[in-house]
C-alpha atoms as a PDB file:
ATOM      1  CA  MET A   1    -107.815  -2.587  32.721  1.00  0.00           C
ATOM      2  CA  THR A   2    -107.451  -0.922  29.323  1.00  0.00           C
ATOM      3  CA  ASP A   3    -104.259  -0.267  27.510  1.00  0.00           C
ATOM      4  CA  ALA A   4    -103.779   3.455  27.107  1.00  0.00           C
ATOM      5  CA  PRO A   5    -102.504   4.496  23.691  1.00  0.00           C
ATOM      6  CA  LEU A   6     -98.822   5.210  23.589  1.00  0.00           C
ATOM      7  CA  PRO A   7     -97.935   8.879  23.230  1.00  0.00           C
ATOM      8  CA  ALA A   8     -96.623   9.954  19.848  1.00  0.00           C
ATOM      9  CA  SER A   9     -92.869   9.958  19.648  1.00  0.00           C
ATOM     10  CA  LEU A  10     -91.134  13.296  19.823  1.00  0.00           C
ATOM     11  CA  CYS A  11     -88.393  11.893  17.594  1.00  0.00           C
ATOM     12  CA  THR A  12     -88.714  13.156  14.030  1.00  0.00           C
ATOM     13  CA  CYS A  13     -86.597  10.309  12.693  1.00  0.00           C
ATOM     14  CA  PHE A  14     -88.845   7.688  14.326  1.00  0.00           C
ATOM     15  CA  ARG A  15     -91.976   9.262  12.837  1.00  0.00           C
ATOM     16  CA  LEU A  16     -90.450   9.552   9.360  1.00  0.00           C
ATOM     17  CA  ARG A  17     -89.119   5.988   9.422  1.00  0.00           C
ATOM     18  CA  LYS A  18     -92.431   4.577  10.630  1.00  0.00           C
ATOM     19  CA  LEU A  19     -94.340   6.407   7.894  1.00  0.00           C
ATOM     20  CA  SER A  20     -91.727   5.304   5.374  1.00  0.00           C
ATOM     21  CA  ARG A  21     -92.116   1.667   6.447  1.00  0.00           C
ATOM     22  CA  LEU A  22     -95.923   1.841   6.239  1.00  0.00           C
ATOM     23  CA  VAL A  23     -95.835   3.402   2.768  1.00  0.00           C
ATOM     24  CA  THR A  24     -93.083   1.067   1.548  1.00  0.00           C
ATOM     25  CA  GLN A  25     -95.096  -1.969   2.670  1.00  0.00           C
ATOM     26  CA  ARG A  26     -98.007  -0.870   0.457  1.00  0.00           C
ATOM     27  CA  TYR A  27     -95.778  -0.477  -2.584  1.00  0.00           C
ATOM     28  CA  ASP A  28     -93.929  -3.733  -1.880  1.00  0.00           C
ATOM     29  CA  ARG A  29     -97.199  -5.634  -1.613  1.00  0.00           C
ATOM     30  CA  GLU A  30     -98.257  -4.502  -5.097  1.00  0.00           C
ATOM     31  CA  LEU A  31     -94.833  -4.711  -6.745  1.00  0.00           C
ATOM     32  CA  ALA A  32     -94.300  -8.285  -5.542  1.00  0.00           C
ATOM     33  CA  ALA A  33     -96.470  -9.450  -8.460  1.00  0.00           C
ATOM     34  CA  ALA A  34     -93.715  -8.184 -10.795  1.00  0.00           C
ATOM     35  CA  GLY A  35     -90.944  -9.727  -8.688  1.00  0.00           C
ATOM     36  CA  LEU A  36     -89.742  -6.350  -7.393  1.00  0.00           C
ATOM     37  CA  ASN A  37     -89.670  -4.379  -4.191  1.00  0.00           C
ATOM     38  CA  LEU A  38     -89.978  -0.594  -4.053  1.00  0.00           C
ATOM     39  CA  ASN A  39     -86.234  -0.039  -3.780  1.00  0.00           C
ATOM     40  CA  GLN A  40     -85.561  -2.136  -6.898  1.00  0.00           C
ATOM     41  CA  TYR A  41     -88.378  -0.399  -8.767  1.00  0.00           C
ATOM     42  CA  SER A  42     -86.957   2.999  -7.841  1.00  0.00           C
ATOM     43  CA  ILE A  43     -83.472   2.037  -9.022  1.00  0.00           C
ATOM     44  CA  LEU A  44     -84.803   0.678 -12.323  1.00  0.00           C
ATOM     45  CA  ARG A  45     -86.967   3.775 -12.893  1.00  0.00           C
ATOM     46  CA  ARG A  46     -84.045   6.114 -12.429  1.00  0.00           C
ATOM     47  CA  ALA A  47     -81.655   3.924 -14.410  1.00  0.00           C
ATOM     48  CA  THR A  48     -84.009   3.959 -17.385  1.00  0.00           C
ATOM     49  CA  ARG A  49     -83.947   7.757 -17.648  1.00  0.00           C
ATOM     50  CA  THR A  50     -80.309   8.179 -18.580  1.00  0.00           C
ATOM     51  CA  PRO A  51     -77.278   5.973 -18.093  1.00  0.00           C
ATOM     52  CA  GLN A  52     -75.311   7.407 -15.186  1.00  0.00           C
ATOM     53  CA  THR A  53     -72.545   6.394 -12.823  1.00  0.00           C
ATOM     54  CA  VAL A  54     -73.257   4.452  -9.651  1.00  0.00           C
ATOM     55  CA  GLY A  55     -72.209   7.525  -7.656  1.00  0.00           C
ATOM     56  CA  ALA A  56     -74.537   9.873  -9.545  1.00  0.00           C
ATOM     57  CA  LEU A  57     -77.438   7.429  -9.203  1.00  0.00           C
ATOM     58  CA  ALA A  58     -76.750   7.052  -5.471  1.00  0.00           C
ATOM     59  CA  ARG A  59     -76.851  10.844  -5.037  1.00  0.00           C
ATOM     60  CA  GLU A  60     -80.106  11.095  -7.010  1.00  0.00           C
ATOM     61  CA  ILE A  61     -81.774   8.387  -4.917  1.00  0.00           C
ATOM     62  CA  GLY A  62     -80.252   9.651  -1.667  1.00  0.00           C
ATOM     63  CA  MET A  63     -78.378   6.431  -0.915  1.00  0.00           C
ATOM     64  CA  ASP A  64     -74.858   5.687   0.133  1.00  0.00           C
ATOM     65  CA  ARG A  65     -72.803   4.520  -2.869  1.00  0.00           C
ATOM     66  CA  THR A  66     -71.864   1.227  -1.205  1.00  0.00           C
ATOM     67  CA  THR A  67     -75.481   0.505  -0.277  1.00  0.00           C
ATOM     68  CA  LEU A  68     -76.537   1.117  -3.866  1.00  0.00           C
ATOM     69  CA  SER A  69     -73.729  -1.103  -5.157  1.00  0.00           C
ATOM     70  CA  ARG A  70     -74.995  -3.900  -2.891  1.00  0.00           C
ATOM     71  CA  ASP A  71     -78.607  -3.303  -4.027  1.00  0.00           C
ATOM     72  CA  LEU A  72     -77.560  -3.452  -7.686  1.00  0.00           C
ATOM     73  CA  LYS A  73     -76.239  -7.022  -7.387  1.00  0.00           C
ATOM     74  CA  PRO A  74     -79.638  -8.804  -7.524  1.00  0.00           C
ATOM     75  CA  LEU A  75     -80.701  -6.555 -10.431  1.00  0.00           C
ATOM     76  CA  ILE A  76     -77.537  -7.520 -12.311  1.00  0.00           C
ATOM     77  CA  ALA A  77     -78.048 -11.211 -11.453  1.00  0.00           C
ATOM     78  CA  ALA A  78     -81.643 -11.008 -12.754  1.00  0.00           C
ATOM     79  CA  GLY A  79     -80.332  -9.574 -16.051  1.00  0.00           C
ATOM     80  CA  TRP A  80     -82.235  -6.309 -15.598  1.00  0.00           C
ATOM     81  CA  ILE A  81     -79.270  -3.935 -15.542  1.00  0.00           C
ATOM     82  CA  ASP A  82     -75.589  -3.989 -16.305  1.00  0.00           C
ATOM     83  CA  LEU A  83     -72.581  -1.951 -15.307  1.00  0.00           C
ATOM     84  CA  ALA A  84     -70.293  -0.642 -18.010  1.00  0.00           C
ATOM     85  CA  SER A  85     -67.031   1.245 -17.740  1.00  0.00           C
ATOM     86  CA  SER A  86     -67.285   4.961 -18.275  1.00  0.00           C
ATOM     87  CA  ASP A  87     -65.576   6.439 -21.326  1.00  0.00           C
ATOM     88  CA  ASP A  88     -64.192   9.194 -19.077  1.00  0.00           C
ATOM     89  CA  ASP A  89     -62.980   7.055 -16.179  1.00  0.00           C
ATOM     90  CA  ALA A  90     -62.551   3.269 -16.341  1.00  0.00           C
ATOM     91  CA  ARG A  91     -63.033   3.089 -12.561  1.00  0.00           C
ATOM     92  CA  ALA A  92     -66.491   4.678 -12.776  1.00  0.00           C
ATOM     93  CA  LYS A  93     -69.280   2.254 -13.624  1.00  0.00           C
ATOM     94  CA  ILE A  94     -72.308   3.314 -15.653  1.00  0.00           C
ATOM     95  CA  VAL A  95     -75.663   1.784 -14.677  1.00  0.00           C
ATOM     96  CA  ARG A  96     -77.686   0.835 -17.752  1.00  0.00           C
ATOM     97  CA  ILE A  97     -81.061  -0.842 -17.942  1.00  0.00           C
ATOM     98  CA  LYS A  98     -81.269  -3.923 -20.159  1.00  0.00           C
ATOM     99  CA  PRO A  99     -84.302  -4.962 -22.255  1.00  0.00           C
ATOM    100  CA  ALA A 100     -85.369  -7.462 -19.561  1.00  0.00           C
ATOM    101  CA  GLY A 101     -85.238  -4.649 -17.001  1.00  0.00           C
ATOM    102  CA  LYS A 102     -87.401  -2.485 -19.206  1.00  0.00           C
ATOM    103  CA  ARG A 103     -89.928  -5.331 -19.510  1.00  0.00           C
ATOM    104  CA  VAL A 104     -90.123  -5.877 -15.743  1.00  0.00           C
ATOM    105  CA  LEU A 105     -90.466  -2.131 -15.269  1.00  0.00           C
ATOM    106  CA  ASP A 106     -93.335  -2.073 -17.783  1.00  0.00           C
ATOM    107  CA  ARG A 107     -95.064  -4.855 -15.796  1.00  0.00           C
ATOM    108  CA  ALA A 108     -94.423  -3.041 -12.514  1.00  0.00           C
ATOM    109  CA  GLN A 109     -95.627   0.423 -13.564  1.00  0.00           C
ATOM    110  CA  PRO A 110     -99.382  -0.292 -13.207  1.00  0.00           C
ATOM    111  CA  LEU A 111     -98.718  -2.060  -9.901  1.00  0.00           C
ATOM    112  CA  TRP A 112     -96.833   0.985  -8.632  1.00  0.00           C
ATOM    113  CA  ARG A 113     -99.722   3.170  -9.858  1.00  0.00           C
ATOM    114  CA  LYS A 114    -102.221   1.035  -7.902  1.00  0.00           C
ATOM    115  CA  ALA A 115    -100.222   1.498  -4.692  1.00  0.00           C
ATOM    116  CA  GLN A 116     -99.832   5.220  -5.388  1.00  0.00           C
ATOM    117  CA  ASP A 117    -103.574   5.600  -5.987  1.00  0.00           C
ATOM    118  CA  GLU A 118    -104.349   3.799  -2.717  1.00  0.00           C
ATOM    119  CA  ILE A 119    -102.042   6.094  -0.776  1.00  0.00           C
ATOM    120  CA  ASP A 120    -103.513   9.140  -2.521  1.00  0.00           C
ATOM    121  CA  ALA A 121    -107.033   7.961  -1.634  1.00  0.00           C
ATOM    122  CA  ARG A 122    -106.117   7.398   2.030  1.00  0.00           C
ATOM    123  CA  LEU A 123    -104.400  10.763   2.433  1.00  0.00           C
ATOM    124  CA  GLY A 124    -106.587  12.785   0.070  1.00  0.00           C
ATOM    125  CA  THR A 125    -105.357  15.179  -2.596  1.00  0.00           C
ATOM    126  CA  ALA A 126    -104.814  18.041  -0.164  1.00  0.00           C
ATOM    127  CA  GLY A 127    -103.009  15.737   2.269  1.00  0.00           C
ATOM    128  CA  VAL A 128    -100.702  14.346  -0.420  1.00  0.00           C
ATOM    129  CA  ASN A 129     -99.919  17.809  -1.751  1.00  0.00           C
ATOM    130  CA  ALA A 130     -99.195  19.133   1.752  1.00  0.00           C
ATOM    131  CA  LEU A 131     -97.032  16.100   2.571  1.00  0.00           C
ATOM    132  CA  HIS A 132     -95.052  16.455  -0.675  1.00  0.00           C
ATOM    133  CA  ASN A 133     -94.535  20.180  -0.077  1.00  0.00           C
ATOM    134  CA  HIS A 134     -93.350  19.628   3.487  1.00  0.00           C
ATOM    135  CA  LEU A 135     -91.051  16.774   2.479  1.00  0.00           C
ATOM    136  CA  ASP A 136     -89.566  18.701  -0.462  1.00  0.00           C
ATOM    137  CA  ARG A 137     -88.834  21.711   1.738  1.00  0.00           C
ATOM    138  CA  ALA A 138     -87.400  19.535   4.493  1.00  0.00           C
ATOM    139  CA  MET A 139     -85.147  17.650   2.046  1.00  0.00           C
ATOM    140  CA  ALA A 140     -83.889  20.910   0.536  1.00  0.00           C
ATOM    141  CA  ARG A 141     -83.062  22.263   3.988  1.00  0.00           C
ATOM    142  CA  MET A 142     -81.420  19.058   5.178  1.00  0.00           C
ATOM    143  CA  GLU A 143     -79.298  18.722   2.024  1.00  0.00           C
ATOM    144  CA  ARG A 144     -77.702  22.111   2.647  1.00  0.00           C
ATOM    145  CA  GLU A 145     -74.319  21.743   4.264  1.00  0.00           C
END
């Protein structure tokens, strides 16, 4: 008796989440050498661009503000970022990368690149470009209210 392959799920969310998990695992495997996971790397990368409020950073990443606040705690504890009061609103906290965060990001960048190159090789240039185009269009459509 052979096990027949399971049919592909008709659920778009399931397919996206499964692909996301598979891709995230590849990045996490590489980034572990720098003491980071993909989510932490992503937060640090965006925080290094320009200091911004927790809310603005959450919107940019596509996270809930409270989830981001929880995910910031280990980065603060590691001394990689800090939160400062905004000049405009003392209640709003500005996420800023610290020198130690910049150093860990510098160590992580080639590890991220290695994972990215592996994914690119597996999917091929045309596949990556098509995937990015489809995802960008889908995100733009889903973000419309």
